[in-house]
């Protein structure tokens, strides 16, 4: 009895520390700042990196937190890489070359996703250093026919292959984004035709965005936490982190966007844990991203861009 309660207390401490670290470096501070009527200061990202350095240090010196060392390392690498890309984006050269009037849709987004890919590669490098096997951090296709686990509140009985449900989830996710997007934009047929040549770029950026976000929103947490604090806590952490990341800048923004993306994060994390790979998570993520990037292309063309 004593050993069991001690183990539960230890797991509770680890889960609490993991939650605290995630919330501290998530978009929650920016959201609070915005709701208070201000704008998050430029130093906030640097403060998050500094806080993660302290968190990593605590996992090294406090024996009870040792199991969170890998989690702390990956979070620090992620936010240090994000900080580096932010510095690049804020330079006069980058703004003039890739974020000014006259820059094409392809060039503008390509520059952003080259940087984003760099962040994902930094996280992959950290996970490789810590785990040594791609399968240990889900960077494999996985068992595509793995049986889905029962979810009573979704009416999923369990036992059927993920091959079937992946297409259903992807279609539903795409439709949930498509309907409000069409209602909001109401694009004219001629605008859509003018945006059609941008379709290859839309598909490319959707594929890259789905991959990079699965790397640092999903694998970074799942690979370093689920064996330490358990699947339910880990999955919930990824849901909250992903939802908060889309509160301010999601499609749509606000509580609705956070709730939609949080639910999507649940399905993506579930697929990754049950298939032990990334392919279905990437595919389900890719489909709604196509709708989102298509809307960006339509808006760009509608403003006279190319």
Protein backbone atom coordinates (compact mmCIF):
# COMPACT_ATOMS: atom_id res chain seq x y z
CA UNK A 1 0.00 0.00 0.00
CA UNK A 2 2.76 2.41 0.92
CA UNK A 3 4.64 1.65 -2.31
CA UNK A 4 1.52 2.12 -4.41
CA UNK A 5 0.65 5.47 -2.86
CA UNK A 6 4.27 6.57 -3.18
CA UNK A 7 4.25 5.67 -6.87
CA UNK A 8 0.99 7.55 -7.39
CA UNK A 9 2.41 10.61 -5.63
CA UNK A 10 5.53 10.46 -7.78
CA UNK A 11 3.48 10.22 -10.97
CA UNK A 12 1.31 13.09 -9.77
CA UNK A 13 4.40 15.27 -9.21
CA UNK A 14 5.72 14.44 -12.68
CA UNK A 15 2.35 15.13 -14.32
CA UNK A 16 2.00 18.42 -12.44
CA UNK A 17 5.49 19.53 -13.46
CA UNK A 18 4.86 18.53 -17.08
CA UNK A 19 1.60 20.49 -17.13
CA UNK A 20 3.18 23.54 -15.49
CA UNK A 21 6.04 23.62 -18.01
CA UNK A 22 3.67 23.24 -20.95
CA UNK A 23 1.28 25.99 -19.81
CA UNK A 24 4.15 28.35 -19.06
CA UNK A 25 5.60 28.13 -22.56
CA UNK A 26 2.30 27.71 -24.45
CA UNK A 27 0.36 30.61 -25.97
CA UNK A 28 -1.52 31.04 -22.68
CA UNK A 29 0.58 34.07 -21.57
CA UNK A 30 -0.04 35.75 -24.96
CA UNK A 31 -3.76 35.03 -24.65
CA UNK A 32 -3.91 36.52 -21.15
CA UNK A 33 -2.02 39.59 -22.36
CA UNK A 34 -4.44 40.01 -25.28
CA UNK A 35 -7.52 39.57 -23.10
CA UNK A 36 -6.11 42.20 -20.74
CA UNK A 37 -6.11 44.62 -23.65
CA UNK A 38 -2.42 44.63 -24.43
CA UNK A 39 0.04 42.95 -26.71
CA UNK A 40 2.57 40.39 -25.57
CA UNK A 41 6.04 41.98 -25.25
CA UNK A 42 8.85 40.98 -27.58
CA UNK A 43 10.89 39.58 -24.68
CA UNK A 44 8.28 36.95 -23.81
CA UNK A 45 9.72 34.23 -26.06
CA UNK A 46 13.15 34.78 -24.57
CA UNK A 47 11.63 34.52 -21.10
CA UNK A 48 10.07 31.18 -22.07
CA UNK A 49 13.44 29.85 -23.23
CA UNK A 50 15.01 31.02 -19.96
CA UNK A 51 12.22 29.32 -17.98
CA UNK A 52 12.82 26.09 -19.89
CA UNK A 53 16.53 26.28 -19.05
CA UNK A 54 15.54 26.45 -15.37
CA UNK A 55 13.09 23.59 -15.87
CA UNK A 56 15.77 21.44 -17.49
CA UNK A 57 18.14 22.27 -14.66
CA UNK A 58 15.55 21.22 -12.10
CA UNK A 59 15.11 17.84 -13.83
CA UNK A 60 18.86 17.30 -13.62
CA UNK A 61 19.32 18.19 -9.95
CA UNK A 62 15.99 17.11 -8.46
CA UNK A 63 15.91 13.33 -8.44
CA UNK A 64 12.10 13.16 -8.39
CA UNK A 65 11.99 15.04 -11.72
CA UNK A 66 14.68 12.99 -13.49
CA UNK A 67 12.11 11.15 -15.67
CA UNK A 68 11.18 14.52 -17.26
CA UNK A 69 14.68 15.26 -18.54
CA UNK A 70 13.93 14.21 -22.11
CA UNK A 71 10.73 16.24 -22.11
CA UNK A 72 12.62 19.29 -20.84
CA UNK A 73 15.37 18.89 -23.45
CA UNK A 74 12.94 18.65 -26.37
CA UNK A 75 10.84 21.60 -25.16
CA UNK A 76 13.98 23.71 -24.79
CA UNK A 77 15.20 22.77 -28.26
CA UNK A 78 11.77 23.55 -29.72
CA UNK A 79 11.50 27.00 -28.20
CA UNK A 80 15.14 27.88 -28.80
CA UNK A 81 14.60 27.02 -32.48
CA UNK A 82 11.38 29.05 -32.56
CA UNK A 83 13.27 31.96 -31.01
CA UNK A 84 15.97 31.72 -33.66
CA UNK A 85 13.43 31.73 -36.50
CA UNK A 86 11.63 34.69 -34.91
CA UNK A 87 14.88 36.66 -34.93
CA UNK A 88 15.30 35.86 -38.63
CA UNK A 89 11.70 36.83 -39.45
CA UNK A 90 12.07 40.16 -37.68
CA UNK A 91 15.12 41.23 -39.67
CA UNK A 92 14.73 44.03 -42.20
CA UNK A 93 16.12 41.75 -44.90
CA UNK A 94 13.50 39.06 -44.31
CA UNK A 95 10.61 41.52 -44.10
CA UNK A 96 11.72 43.28 -47.30
CA UNK A 97 12.45 40.06 -49.18
CA UNK A 98 9.55 37.84 -48.16
CA UNK A 99 6.87 39.85 -46.35
CA UNK A 100 6.40 43.00 -48.36
CA UNK A 101 4.05 44.11 -51.11
CA UNK A 102 4.87 42.50 -54.42
CA UNK A 103 6.24 39.26 -52.98
CA UNK A 104 4.53 36.28 -54.58
CA UNK A 105 2.38 33.80 -52.67
CA UNK A 106 4.87 31.00 -53.36
CA UNK A 107 7.99 32.92 -52.35
CA UNK A 108 6.42 34.38 -49.20
CA UNK A 109 5.15 31.10 -47.81
CA UNK A 110 8.17 29.13 -49.00
CA UNK A 111 10.47 31.34 -46.92
CA UNK A 112 8.29 30.81 -43.84
CA UNK A 113 8.18 27.05 -44.27
CA UNK A 114 11.91 26.72 -44.85
CA UNK A 115 12.30 28.24 -41.37
CA UNK A 116 9.51 26.08 -39.98
CA UNK A 117 11.14 22.96 -41.40
CA UNK A 118 14.33 23.99 -39.64
CA UNK A 119 12.45 24.02 -36.32
CA UNK A 120 11.03 20.55 -37.00
CA UNK A 121 14.48 19.22 -37.94
CA UNK A 122 15.91 20.60 -34.70
CA UNK A 123 13.23 18.74 -32.72
CA UNK A 124 13.84 15.55 -34.73
CA UNK A 125 17.58 15.84 -34.07
CA UNK A 126 16.93 16.18 -30.33
CA UNK A 127 14.57 13.21 -30.33
CA UNK A 128 17.06 11.14 -32.32
CA UNK A 129 19.81 11.99 -29.84
CA UNK A 130 17.56 10.98 -26.93
CA UNK A 131 15.82 7.95 -28.45
CA UNK A 132 18.12 6.67 -31.23
CA UNK A 133 15.28 4.95 -33.10
CA UNK A 134 12.74 6.70 -35.33
CA UNK A 135 10.00 4.35 -34.19
CA UNK A 136 10.55 5.57 -30.61
CA UNK A 137 9.38 9.05 -31.61
CA UNK A 138 6.78 8.04 -34.20
CA UNK A 139 8.81 9.12 -37.25
CA UNK A 140 7.58 6.05 -39.15
CA UNK A 141 4.37 5.27 -41.02
CA UNK A 142 3.24 2.93 -38.25
CA UNK A 143 0.78 0.04 -38.38
CA UNK A 144 -1.83 1.58 -40.67
CA UNK A 145 -4.30 -1.26 -40.02
CA UNK A 146 -3.92 -1.16 -36.24
CA UNK A 147 -7.27 -1.55 -34.45
CA UNK A 148 -8.77 1.66 -33.14
CA UNK A 149 -9.50 1.72 -29.43
CA UNK A 150 -13.06 2.19 -28.22
CA UNK A 151 -14.38 5.72 -27.69
CA UNK A 152 -17.88 5.44 -26.32
CA UNK A 153 -18.76 9.15 -26.52
CA UNK A 154 -17.89 9.15 -30.25
CA UNK A 155 -19.74 5.93 -30.93
CA UNK A 156 -16.52 4.12 -31.85
CA UNK A 157 -16.82 0.50 -30.76
CA UNK A 158 -13.17 -0.33 -31.24
CA UNK A 159 -11.43 -3.18 -32.99
CA UNK A 160 -11.91 -1.85 -36.53
CA UNK A 161 -8.81 -0.80 -38.50
CA UNK A 162 -7.49 2.76 -38.49
CA UNK A 163 -7.43 2.54 -42.29
CA UNK A 164 -11.18 3.06 -42.28
CA UNK A 165 -11.40 5.75 -39.62
CA UNK A 166 -8.49 7.84 -40.91
CA UNK A 167 -10.39 8.72 -44.09
CA UNK A 168 -13.59 9.44 -42.14
CA UNK A 169 -11.75 11.72 -39.70
CA UNK A 170 -9.86 13.49 -42.50
CA UNK A 171 -13.05 14.12 -44.48
CA UNK A 172 -14.88 15.39 -41.39
CA UNK A 173 -11.98 17.67 -40.43
CA UNK A 174 -11.82 19.09 -43.93
CA UNK A 175 -15.57 19.67 -44.00
CA UNK A 176 -15.53 21.40 -40.60
CA UNK A 177 -13.02 23.89 -41.98
CA UNK A 178 -14.52 24.17 -45.46
CA UNK A 179 -18.03 25.21 -44.43
CA UNK A 180 -17.13 28.24 -42.26
CA UNK A 181 -14.37 29.21 -44.71
CA UNK A 182 -16.74 29.31 -47.69
CA UNK A 183 -19.36 31.18 -45.66
CA UNK A 184 -16.78 33.74 -44.54
CA UNK A 185 -15.01 34.27 -47.87
CA UNK A 186 -17.84 33.69 -50.38
CA UNK A 187 -15.22 33.60 -53.16
CA UNK A 188 -16.30 34.57 -56.65
CA UNK A 189 -15.82 31.86 -59.31
CA UNK A 190 -13.39 34.06 -61.26
CA UNK A 191 -11.24 34.56 -58.14
CA UNK A 192 -11.11 30.81 -57.58
CA UNK A 193 -10.06 30.28 -61.19
CA UNK A 194 -7.28 32.84 -60.82
CA UNK A 195 -6.11 31.06 -57.68
CA UNK A 196 -6.09 27.63 -59.36
CA UNK A 197 -2.45 27.89 -60.60
CA UNK A 198 -1.44 28.16 -56.94
CA UNK A 199 -2.87 24.70 -56.17
CA UNK A 200 0.52 22.90 -56.31
CA UNK A 201 1.90 25.42 -53.80
CA UNK A 202 -1.20 24.99 -51.64
CA UNK A 203 -0.67 21.22 -51.56
CA UNK A 204 3.05 21.59 -50.83
CA UNK A 205 2.58 24.05 -47.97
CA UNK A 206 -0.28 21.97 -46.54
CA UNK A 207 1.91 18.87 -46.56
CA UNK A 208 4.86 20.67 -44.98
CA UNK A 209 2.73 22.39 -42.34
CA UNK A 210 1.02 19.14 -41.38
CA UNK A 211 4.40 17.43 -41.02
CA UNK A 212 6.15 20.15 -39.04
CA UNK A 213 3.22 20.63 -36.67
CA UNK A 214 2.94 16.91 -36.07
CA UNK A 215 6.62 16.88 -35.17
CA UNK A 216 6.62 19.67 -32.62
CA UNK A 217 3.00 19.63 -31.43
CA UNK A 218 2.67 15.85 -31.17
CA UNK A 219 5.86 13.78 -31.29
CA UNK A 220 7.76 16.12 -28.96
CA UNK A 221 5.22 15.47 -26.20
CA UNK A 222 4.11 11.90 -26.92
CA UNK A 223 7.61 10.50 -27.34
CA UNK A 224 8.93 12.02 -24.11
CA UNK A 225 5.90 11.82 -21.80
CA UNK A 226 3.52 8.93 -22.45
CA UNK A 227 5.75 6.34 -20.79
CA UNK A 228 6.42 8.67 -17.85
CA UNK A 229 3.05 10.14 -16.88
CA UNK A 230 0.74 7.84 -18.85
CA UNK A 231 -1.25 8.21 -22.06
CA UNK A 232 -4.31 10.10 -20.71
CA UNK A 233 -2.24 12.94 -19.19
CA UNK A 234 0.05 13.12 -22.19
CA UNK A 235 -2.78 13.17 -24.71
CA UNK A 236 -4.58 15.89 -22.75
CA UNK A 237 -1.40 17.99 -22.64
CA UNK A 238 -1.09 17.81 -26.44
CA UNK A 239 -4.78 18.75 -26.80
CA UNK A 240 -4.45 21.84 -24.62
CA UNK A 241 -1.13 22.91 -26.15
CA UNK A 242 -2.45 22.61 -29.70
CA UNK A 243 -5.73 24.32 -28.84
CA UNK A 244 -4.00 27.26 -27.14
CA UNK A 245 -1.68 27.63 -30.15
CA UNK A 246 -4.74 28.21 -32.34
CA UNK A 247 -6.71 30.49 -30.01
CA UNK A 248 -5.18 33.70 -31.38
CA UNK A 249 -4.19 32.64 -34.90
CA UNK A 250 -6.44 29.70 -35.77
CA UNK A 251 -9.02 29.38 -38.52
CA UNK A 252 -11.31 30.50 -36.94
CA UNK A 253 -9.57 32.21 -34.00
CA UNK A 254 -10.95 32.29 -30.45
CA UNK A 255 -12.61 29.65 -28.32
CA UNK A 256 -14.23 27.92 -31.30
CA UNK A 257 -10.91 27.58 -33.11
CA UNK A 258 -9.19 26.33 -29.96
CA UNK A 259 -11.96 23.77 -29.35
CA UNK A 260 -11.91 22.54 -32.95
CA UNK A 261 -8.15 22.18 -33.08
CA UNK A 262 -8.11 20.66 -29.60
CA UNK A 263 -10.52 17.96 -30.75
CA UNK A 264 -8.41 17.43 -33.86
CA UNK A 265 -5.35 17.08 -31.61
CA UNK A 266 -7.15 14.35 -29.70
CA UNK A 267 -7.72 12.34 -32.88
CA UNK A 268 -4.17 12.94 -34.15
CA UNK A 269 -2.57 11.96 -30.86
CA UNK A 270 -4.83 8.93 -30.56
CA UNK A 271 -3.87 7.76 -34.05
CA UNK A 272 -0.17 8.19 -33.31
CA UNK A 273 -0.29 6.27 -30.05
CA UNK A 274 -2.41 3.43 -31.44
CA UNK A 275 -0.64 2.99 -34.80
CA UNK A 276 2.78 3.85 -33.33
CA UNK A 277 3.48 6.05 -36.34
CA UNK A 278 2.81 9.43 -37.90
CA UNK A 279 1.25 8.74 -41.29
CA UNK A 280 -2.43 8.80 -40.36
CA UNK A 281 -1.93 11.81 -38.10
CA UNK A 282 -0.19 13.63 -40.95
CA UNK A 283 -2.93 12.72 -43.44
CA UNK A 284 -5.82 13.76 -41.16
CA UNK A 285 -3.98 17.04 -40.50
CA UNK A 286 -3.14 17.57 -44.18
CA UNK A 287 -6.74 17.54 -45.46
CA UNK A 288 -8.07 20.55 -43.48
CA UNK A 289 -4.77 22.34 -44.10
CA UNK A 290 -5.48 22.15 -47.85
CA UNK A 291 -8.71 24.06 -47.26
CA UNK A 292 -6.93 26.63 -45.10
CA UNK A 293 -4.08 27.25 -47.54
CA UNK A 294 -6.52 27.36 -50.44
CA UNK A 295 -8.36 30.14 -48.60
CA UNK A 296 -5.04 31.99 -48.17
CA UNK A 297 -4.41 31.66 -51.90
CA UNK A 298 -7.89 32.94 -52.75
CA UNK A 299 -7.48 35.92 -50.41
CA UNK A 300 -4.03 36.64 -51.86
CA UNK A 301 -5.29 36.58 -55.43
CA UNK A 302 -8.34 38.62 -54.47
CA UNK A 303 -6.03 41.40 -53.29
CA UNK A 304 -4.22 41.42 -56.62
CA UNK A 305 -1.35 39.11 -55.64
CA UNK A 306 0.20 36.43 -57.76
